PDB file of all heavy atoms in Angstrom:
ATOM      1  N   ILE A   1      96.032  96.272 116.359  1.00  0.00           N
ATOM      2  CA  ILE A   1      94.670  96.240 116.632  1.00  0.00           C
ATOM      3  C   ILE A   1      94.297  95.544 118.041  1.00  0.00           C
ATOM      4  O   ILE A   1      93.223  95.564 118.535  1.00  0.00           O
ATOM      5  CB  ILE A   1      93.786  95.562 115.524  1.00  0.00           C
ATOM      6  CG1 ILE A   1      94.248  94.150 115.270  1.00  0.00           C
ATOM      7  CG2 ILE A   1      93.783  96.443 114.386  1.00  0.00           C
ATOM      8  CD1 ILE A   1      93.274  93.382 114.409  1.00  0.00           C
ATOM      9  N   GLU A   2      95.410  94.778 118.573  1.00  0.00           N
ATOM     10  CA  GLU A   2      95.154  94.219 119.976  1.00  0.00           C
ATOM     11  C   GLU A   2      96.500  94.233 120.675  1.00  0.00           C
ATOM     12  O   GLU A   2      97.590  94.364 120.100  1.00  0.00           O
ATOM     13  CB  GLU A   2      94.635  92.782 119.719  1.00  0.00           C
ATOM     14  CG  GLU A   2      95.551  91.845 118.963  1.00  0.00           C
ATOM     15  CD  GLU A   2      94.915  90.560 118.678  1.00  0.00           C
ATOM     16  OE1 GLU A   2      93.740  90.516 118.266  1.00  0.00           O
ATOM     17  OE2 GLU A   2      95.649  89.628 118.740  1.00  0.00           O
ATOM     18  N   PRO A   3      96.487  94.127 121.999  1.00  0.00           N
ATOM     19  CA  PRO A   3      97.613  94.160 122.837  1.00  0.00           C
ATOM     20  C   PRO A   3      98.611  93.020 122.430  1.00  0.00           C
ATOM     21  O   PRO A   3      98.146  91.948 122.086  1.00  0.00           O
ATOM     22  CB  PRO A   3      97.093  94.017 124.264  1.00  0.00           C
ATOM     23  CG  PRO A   3      95.681  94.264 124.144  1.00  0.00           C
ATOM     24  CD  PRO A   3      95.201  93.989 122.737  1.00  0.00           C
ATOM     25  N   GLY A   4      99.883  93.278 122.564  1.00  0.00           N
ATOM     26  CA  GLY A   4     100.827  92.223 122.404  1.00  0.00           C
ATOM     27  C   GLY A   4     102.246  92.755 122.645  1.00  0.00           C
ATOM     28  O   GLY A   4     102.375  93.942 122.888  1.00  0.00           O
ATOM     29  N   PRO A   5     103.287  91.926 122.452  1.00  0.00           N
ATOM     30  CA  PRO A   5     104.652  92.397 122.661  1.00  0.00           C
ATOM     31  C   PRO A   5     104.952  93.423 121.611  1.00  0.00           C
ATOM     32  O   PRO A   5     104.581  93.353 120.388  1.00  0.00           O
ATOM     33  CB  PRO A   5     105.431  91.073 122.321  1.00  0.00           C
ATOM     34  CG  PRO A   5     104.537  90.020 122.515  1.00  0.00           C
ATOM     35  CD  PRO A   5     103.105  90.436 122.140  1.00  0.00           C
ATOM     36  N   GLY A   6     105.564  94.593 122.040  1.00  0.00           N
ATOM     37  CA  GLY A   6     105.885  95.663 121.189  1.00  0.00           C
ATOM     38  C   GLY A   6     104.810  96.659 120.856  1.00  0.00           C
ATOM     39  O   GLY A   6     104.995  97.506 119.977  1.00  0.00           O
ATOM     40  N   VAL A   7     103.493  96.342 121.376  1.00  0.00           N
ATOM     41  CA  VAL A   7     102.423  97.201 121.005  1.00  0.00           C
ATOM     42  C   VAL A   7     102.304  98.296 122.098  1.00  0.00           C
ATOM     43  O   VAL A   7     102.105  98.031 123.335  1.00  0.00           O
ATOM     44  CB  VAL A   7     101.107  96.378 121.006  1.00  0.00           C
ATOM     45  CG1 VAL A   7      99.906  97.369 120.672  1.00  0.00           C
ATOM     46  CG2 VAL A   7     101.205  95.320 119.842  1.00  0.00           C
ATOM     47  N   ASP A   8     102.453  99.547 121.708  1.00  0.00           N
ATOM     48  CA  ASP A   8     102.304 100.727 122.606  1.00  0.00           C
ATOM     49  C   ASP A   8     100.927 101.314 122.601  1.00  0.00           C
ATOM     50  O   ASP A   8     100.515 101.894 123.474  1.00  0.00           O
ATOM     51  CB  ASP A   8     103.319 101.780 122.129  1.00  0.00           C
ATOM     52  CG  ASP A   8     104.742 101.273 122.259  1.00  0.00           C
ATOM     53  OD1 ASP A   8     105.116 100.658 123.291  1.00  0.00           O
ATOM     54  OD2 ASP A   8     105.451 101.365 121.219  1.00  0.00           O
ATOM     55  N   ARG A   9     100.276 101.111 121.393  1.00  0.00           N
ATOM     56  CA  ARG A   9      98.963 101.773 121.199  1.00  0.00           C
ATOM     57  C   ARG A   9      97.962 100.917 120.362  1.00  0.00           C
ATOM     58  O   ARG A   9      98.456 100.304 119.385  1.00  0.00           O
ATOM     59  CB  ARG A   9      99.203 103.143 120.389  1.00  0.00           C
ATOM     60  CG  ARG A   9      98.038 104.039 120.362  1.00  0.00           C
ATOM     61  CD  ARG A   9      97.928 104.857 121.723  1.00  0.00           C
ATOM     62  NE  ARG A   9      97.432 106.097 121.383  1.00  0.00           N
ATOM     63  CZ  ARG A   9      98.064 107.354 121.038  1.00  0.00           C
ATOM     64  NH1 ARG A   9      99.306 107.208 120.796  1.00  0.00           N
ATOM     65  NH2 ARG A   9      97.368 108.419 120.907  1.00  0.00           N
ATOM     66  N   ILE A  10      96.785 100.805 120.781  1.00  0.00           N
ATOM     67  CA  ILE A  10      95.849  99.974 120.104  1.00  0.00           C
ATOM     68  C   ILE A  10      95.094 100.981 119.091  1.00  0.00           C
ATOM     69  O   ILE A  10      94.622 101.957 119.525  1.00  0.00           O
ATOM     70  CB  ILE A  10      94.762  99.345 121.050  1.00  0.00           C
ATOM     71  CG1 ILE A  10      95.476  98.587 122.190  1.00  0.00           C
ATOM     72  CG2 ILE A  10      93.812  98.484 120.349  1.00  0.00           C
ATOM     73  CD1 ILE A  10      96.381  97.381 121.667  1.00  0.00           C
ATOM     74  N   CYS A  11      95.076 100.537 117.835  1.00  0.00           N
ATOM     75  CA  CYS A  11      94.535 101.368 116.878  1.00  0.00           C
ATOM     76  C   CYS A  11      94.304 100.583 115.586  1.00  0.00           C
ATOM     77  O   CYS A  11      95.145  99.875 115.080  1.00  0.00           O
ATOM     78  CB  CYS A  11      95.346 102.686 116.503  1.00  0.00           C
ATOM     79  SG  CYS A  11      94.533 103.749 115.366  1.00  0.00           S
ATOM     80  N   ASN A  12      93.112 100.813 114.961  1.00  0.00           N
ATOM     81  CA  ASN A  12      92.845 100.100 113.668  1.00  0.00           C
ATOM     82  C   ASN A  12      93.503 100.981 112.566  1.00  0.00           C
ATOM     83  O   ASN A  12      93.485 102.163 112.627  1.00  0.00           O
ATOM     84  CB  ASN A  12      91.301 100.078 113.504  1.00  0.00           C
ATOM     85  CG  ASN A  12      90.881  99.371 112.208  1.00  0.00           C
ATOM     86  OD1 ASN A  12      91.329  99.715 111.155  1.00  0.00           O
ATOM     87  ND2 ASN A  12      90.044  98.291 112.378  1.00  0.00           N
ATOM     88  N   VAL A  13      94.039 100.282 111.516  1.00  0.00           N
ATOM     89  CA  VAL A  13      94.766 100.926 110.479  1.00  0.00           C
ATOM     90  C   VAL A  13      93.922 102.016 109.728  1.00  0.00           C
ATOM     91  O   VAL A  13      94.362 102.952 109.273  1.00  0.00           O
ATOM     92  CB  VAL A  13      95.300  99.978 109.473  1.00  0.00           C
ATOM     93  CG1 VAL A  13      94.304  99.232 108.694  1.00  0.00           C
ATOM     94  CG2 VAL A  13      96.436 100.664 108.605  1.00  0.00           C
ATOM     95  N   ASP A  14      92.563 101.778 109.803  1.00  0.00           N
ATOM     96  CA  ASP A  14      91.697 102.667 109.141  1.00  0.00           C
ATOM     97  C   ASP A  14      91.489 103.956 109.984  1.00  0.00           C
ATOM     98  O   ASP A  14      90.933 104.986 109.506  1.00  0.00           O
ATOM     99  CB  ASP A  14      90.256 102.029 108.986  1.00  0.00           C
ATOM    100  CG  ASP A  14      90.241 100.949 107.956  1.00  0.00           C
ATOM    101  OD1 ASP A  14      90.896 101.012 106.972  1.00  0.00           O
ATOM    102  OD2 ASP A  14      89.502  99.978 108.314  1.00  0.00           O
ATOM    103  N   SER A  15      91.970 103.989 111.190  1.00  0.00           N
ATOM    104  CA  SER A  15      91.819 105.150 112.018  1.00  0.00           C
ATOM    105  C   SER A  15      93.165 105.963 112.294  1.00  0.00           C
ATOM    106  O   SER A  15      93.246 106.774 113.217  1.00  0.00           O
ATOM    107  CB  SER A  15      91.262 104.667 113.403  1.00  0.00           C
ATOM    108  OG  SER A  15      90.050 104.096 113.142  1.00  0.00           O
ATOM    109  N   LEU A  16      94.244 105.430 111.637  1.00  0.00           N
ATOM    110  CA  LEU A  16      95.567 106.062 111.927  1.00  0.00           C
ATOM    111  C   LEU A  16      95.520 107.647 111.735  1.00  0.00           C
ATOM    112  O   LEU A  16      96.147 108.350 112.706  1.00  0.00           O
ATOM    113  CB  LEU A  16      96.692 105.517 110.986  1.00  0.00           C
ATOM    114  CG  LEU A  16      96.936 104.128 111.233  1.00  0.00           C
ATOM    115  CD1 LEU A  16      97.915 103.586 110.123  1.00  0.00           C
ATOM    116  CD2 LEU A  16      97.642 103.798 112.631  1.00  0.00           C
ATOM    117  N   LEU A  17      95.001 108.121 110.728  1.00  0.00           N
ATOM    118  CA  LEU A  17      94.986 109.562 110.552  1.00  0.00           C
ATOM    119  C   LEU A  17      94.103 110.293 111.549  1.00  0.00           C
ATOM    120  O   LEU A  17      94.626 111.311 112.118  1.00  0.00           O
ATOM    121  CB  LEU A  17      94.387 109.910 109.066  1.00  0.00           C
ATOM    122  CG  LEU A  17      94.446 111.384 108.707  1.00  0.00           C
ATOM    123  CD1 LEU A  17      95.754 111.963 108.723  1.00  0.00           C
ATOM    124  CD2 LEU A  17      93.752 111.538 107.276  1.00  0.00           C
ATOM    125  N   ALA A  18      92.961 109.745 111.902  1.00  0.00           N
ATOM    126  CA  ALA A  18      92.168 110.382 112.993  1.00  0.00           C
ATOM    127  C   ALA A  18      92.878 110.285 114.345  1.00  0.00           C
ATOM    128  O   ALA A  18      92.830 111.286 115.061  1.00  0.00           O
ATOM    129  CB  ALA A  18      90.844 109.611 113.106  1.00  0.00           C
ATOM    130  N   GLU A  19      93.577 109.199 114.607  1.00  0.00           N
ATOM    131  CA  GLU A  19      94.276 109.026 115.882  1.00  0.00           C
ATOM    132  C   GLU A  19      95.525 109.885 116.056  1.00  0.00           C
ATOM    133  O   GLU A  19      95.857 110.347 117.188  1.00  0.00           O
ATOM    134  CB  GLU A  19      94.726 107.421 116.123  1.00  0.00           C
ATOM    135  CG  GLU A  19      95.315 107.136 117.335  1.00  0.00           C
ATOM    136  CD  GLU A  19      94.349 107.072 118.505  1.00  0.00           C
ATOM    137  OE1 GLU A  19      93.118 106.925 118.312  1.00  0.00           O
ATOM    138  OE2 GLU A  19      94.801 107.164 119.713  1.00  0.00           O
ATOM    139  N   PHE A  20      96.367 109.992 114.925  1.00  0.00           N
ATOM    140  CA  PHE A  20      97.649 110.597 115.103  1.00  0.00           C
ATOM    141  C   PHE A  20      97.791 111.948 114.358  1.00  0.00           C
ATOM    142  O   PHE A  20      98.643 112.763 114.641  1.00  0.00           O
ATOM    143  CB  PHE A  20      98.712 109.580 114.674  1.00  0.00           C
ATOM    144  CG  PHE A  20      98.742 108.382 115.473  1.00  0.00           C
ATOM    145  CD1 PHE A  20      98.330 107.173 114.904  1.00  0.00           C
ATOM    146  CD2 PHE A  20      99.288 108.401 116.810  1.00  0.00           C
ATOM    147  CE1 PHE A  20      98.369 105.951 115.618  1.00  0.00           C
ATOM    148  CE2 PHE A  20      99.254 107.227 117.528  1.00  0.00           C
ATOM    149  CZ  PHE A  20      98.830 106.009 116.886  1.00  0.00           C
ATOM    150  N   GLY A  21      96.951 112.173 113.360  1.00  0.00           N
ATOM    151  CA  GLY A  21      97.055 113.332 112.543  1.00  0.00           C
ATOM    152  C   GLY A  21      98.017 113.177 111.368  1.00  0.00           C
ATOM    153  O   GLY A  21      98.735 112.214 111.248  1.00  0.00           O
ATOM    154  N   ALA A  22      97.913 114.174 110.477  1.00  0.00           N
ATOM    155  CA  ALA A  22      98.667 114.026 109.163  1.00  0.00           C
ATOM    156  C   ALA A  22     100.169 114.373 109.403  1.00  0.00           C
ATOM    157  O   ALA A  22     100.531 115.193 110.258  1.00  0.00           O
ATOM    158  CB  ALA A  22      98.090 115.099 108.269  1.00  0.00           C
ATOM    159  N   GLU A  23     100.990 113.659 108.662  1.00  0.00           N
ATOM    160  CA  GLU A  23     102.352 113.964 108.514  1.00  0.00           C
ATOM    161  C   GLU A  23     103.121 113.931 109.854  1.00  0.00           C
ATOM    162  O   GLU A  23     103.876 114.733 110.180  1.00  0.00           O
ATOM    163  CB  GLU A  23     102.606 115.224 107.729  1.00  0.00           C
ATOM    164  CG  GLU A  23     101.962 115.161 106.383  1.00  0.00           C
ATOM    165  CD  GLU A  23     102.172 116.446 105.594  1.00  0.00           C
ATOM    166  OE1 GLU A  23     102.569 117.550 106.167  1.00  0.00           O
ATOM    167  OE2 GLU A  23     101.932 116.360 104.405  1.00  0.00           O
ATOM    168  N   LYS A  24     102.779 112.982 110.734  1.00  0.00           N
ATOM    169  CA  LYS A  24     103.404 112.859 112.132  1.00  0.00           C
ATOM    170  C   LYS A  24     104.601 111.881 112.226  1.00  0.00           C
ATOM    171  O   LYS A  24     105.272 111.966 113.205  1.00  0.00           O
ATOM    172  CB  LYS A  24     102.341 112.406 113.043  1.00  0.00           C
ATOM    173  CG  LYS A  24     101.202 113.372 113.196  1.00  0.00           C
ATOM    174  CD  LYS A  24     101.603 114.676 113.765  1.00  0.00           C
ATOM    175  CE  LYS A  24     100.463 115.563 114.022  1.00  0.00           C
ATOM    176  NZ  LYS A  24     100.715 116.848 114.400  1.00  0.00           N
ATOM    177  N   PHE A  25     104.771 111.074 111.163  1.00  0.00           N
ATOM    178  CA  PHE A  25     105.858 109.991 111.353  1.00  0.00           C
ATOM    179  C   PHE A  25     106.810 110.116 110.166  1.00  0.00           C
ATOM    180  O   PHE A  25     106.444 110.335 109.036  1.00  0.00           O
ATOM    181  CB  PHE A  25     105.165 108.663 111.428  1.00  0.00           C
ATOM    182  CG  PHE A  25     104.279 108.473 112.612  1.00  0.00           C
ATOM    183  CD1 PHE A  25     102.942 108.649 112.477  1.00  0.00           C
ATOM    184  CD2 PHE A  25     104.900 107.969 113.832  1.00  0.00           C
ATOM    185  CE1 PHE A  25     102.178 108.487 113.637  1.00  0.00           C
ATOM    186  CE2 PHE A  25     104.051 107.851 114.962  1.00  0.00           C
ATOM    187  CZ  PHE A  25     102.754 108.027 114.824  1.00  0.00           C
ATOM    188  N   ASP A  26     108.108 109.887 110.664  1.00  0.00           N
ATOM    189  CA  ASP A  26     109.201 109.933 109.506  1.00  0.00           C
ATOM    190  C   ASP A  26     109.318 108.520 108.902  1.00  0.00           C
ATOM    191  O   ASP A  26     109.975 108.435 107.874  1.00  0.00           O
ATOM    192  CB  ASP A  26     110.462 110.177 110.133  1.00  0.00           C
ATOM    193  CG  ASP A  26     110.592 111.737 110.722  1.00  0.00           C
ATOM    194  OD1 ASP A  26     110.011 112.538 110.082  1.00  0.00           O
ATOM    195  OD2 ASP A  26     111.215 111.956 111.826  1.00  0.00           O
TER     196      ASP A  26
END
């Protein structure tokens, strides 16, 4: 949810589906 080491993308966990789409990660 905020910048930091190892953070590539800022996103709230409630918005993961809207941000990345369904079934995108293994």
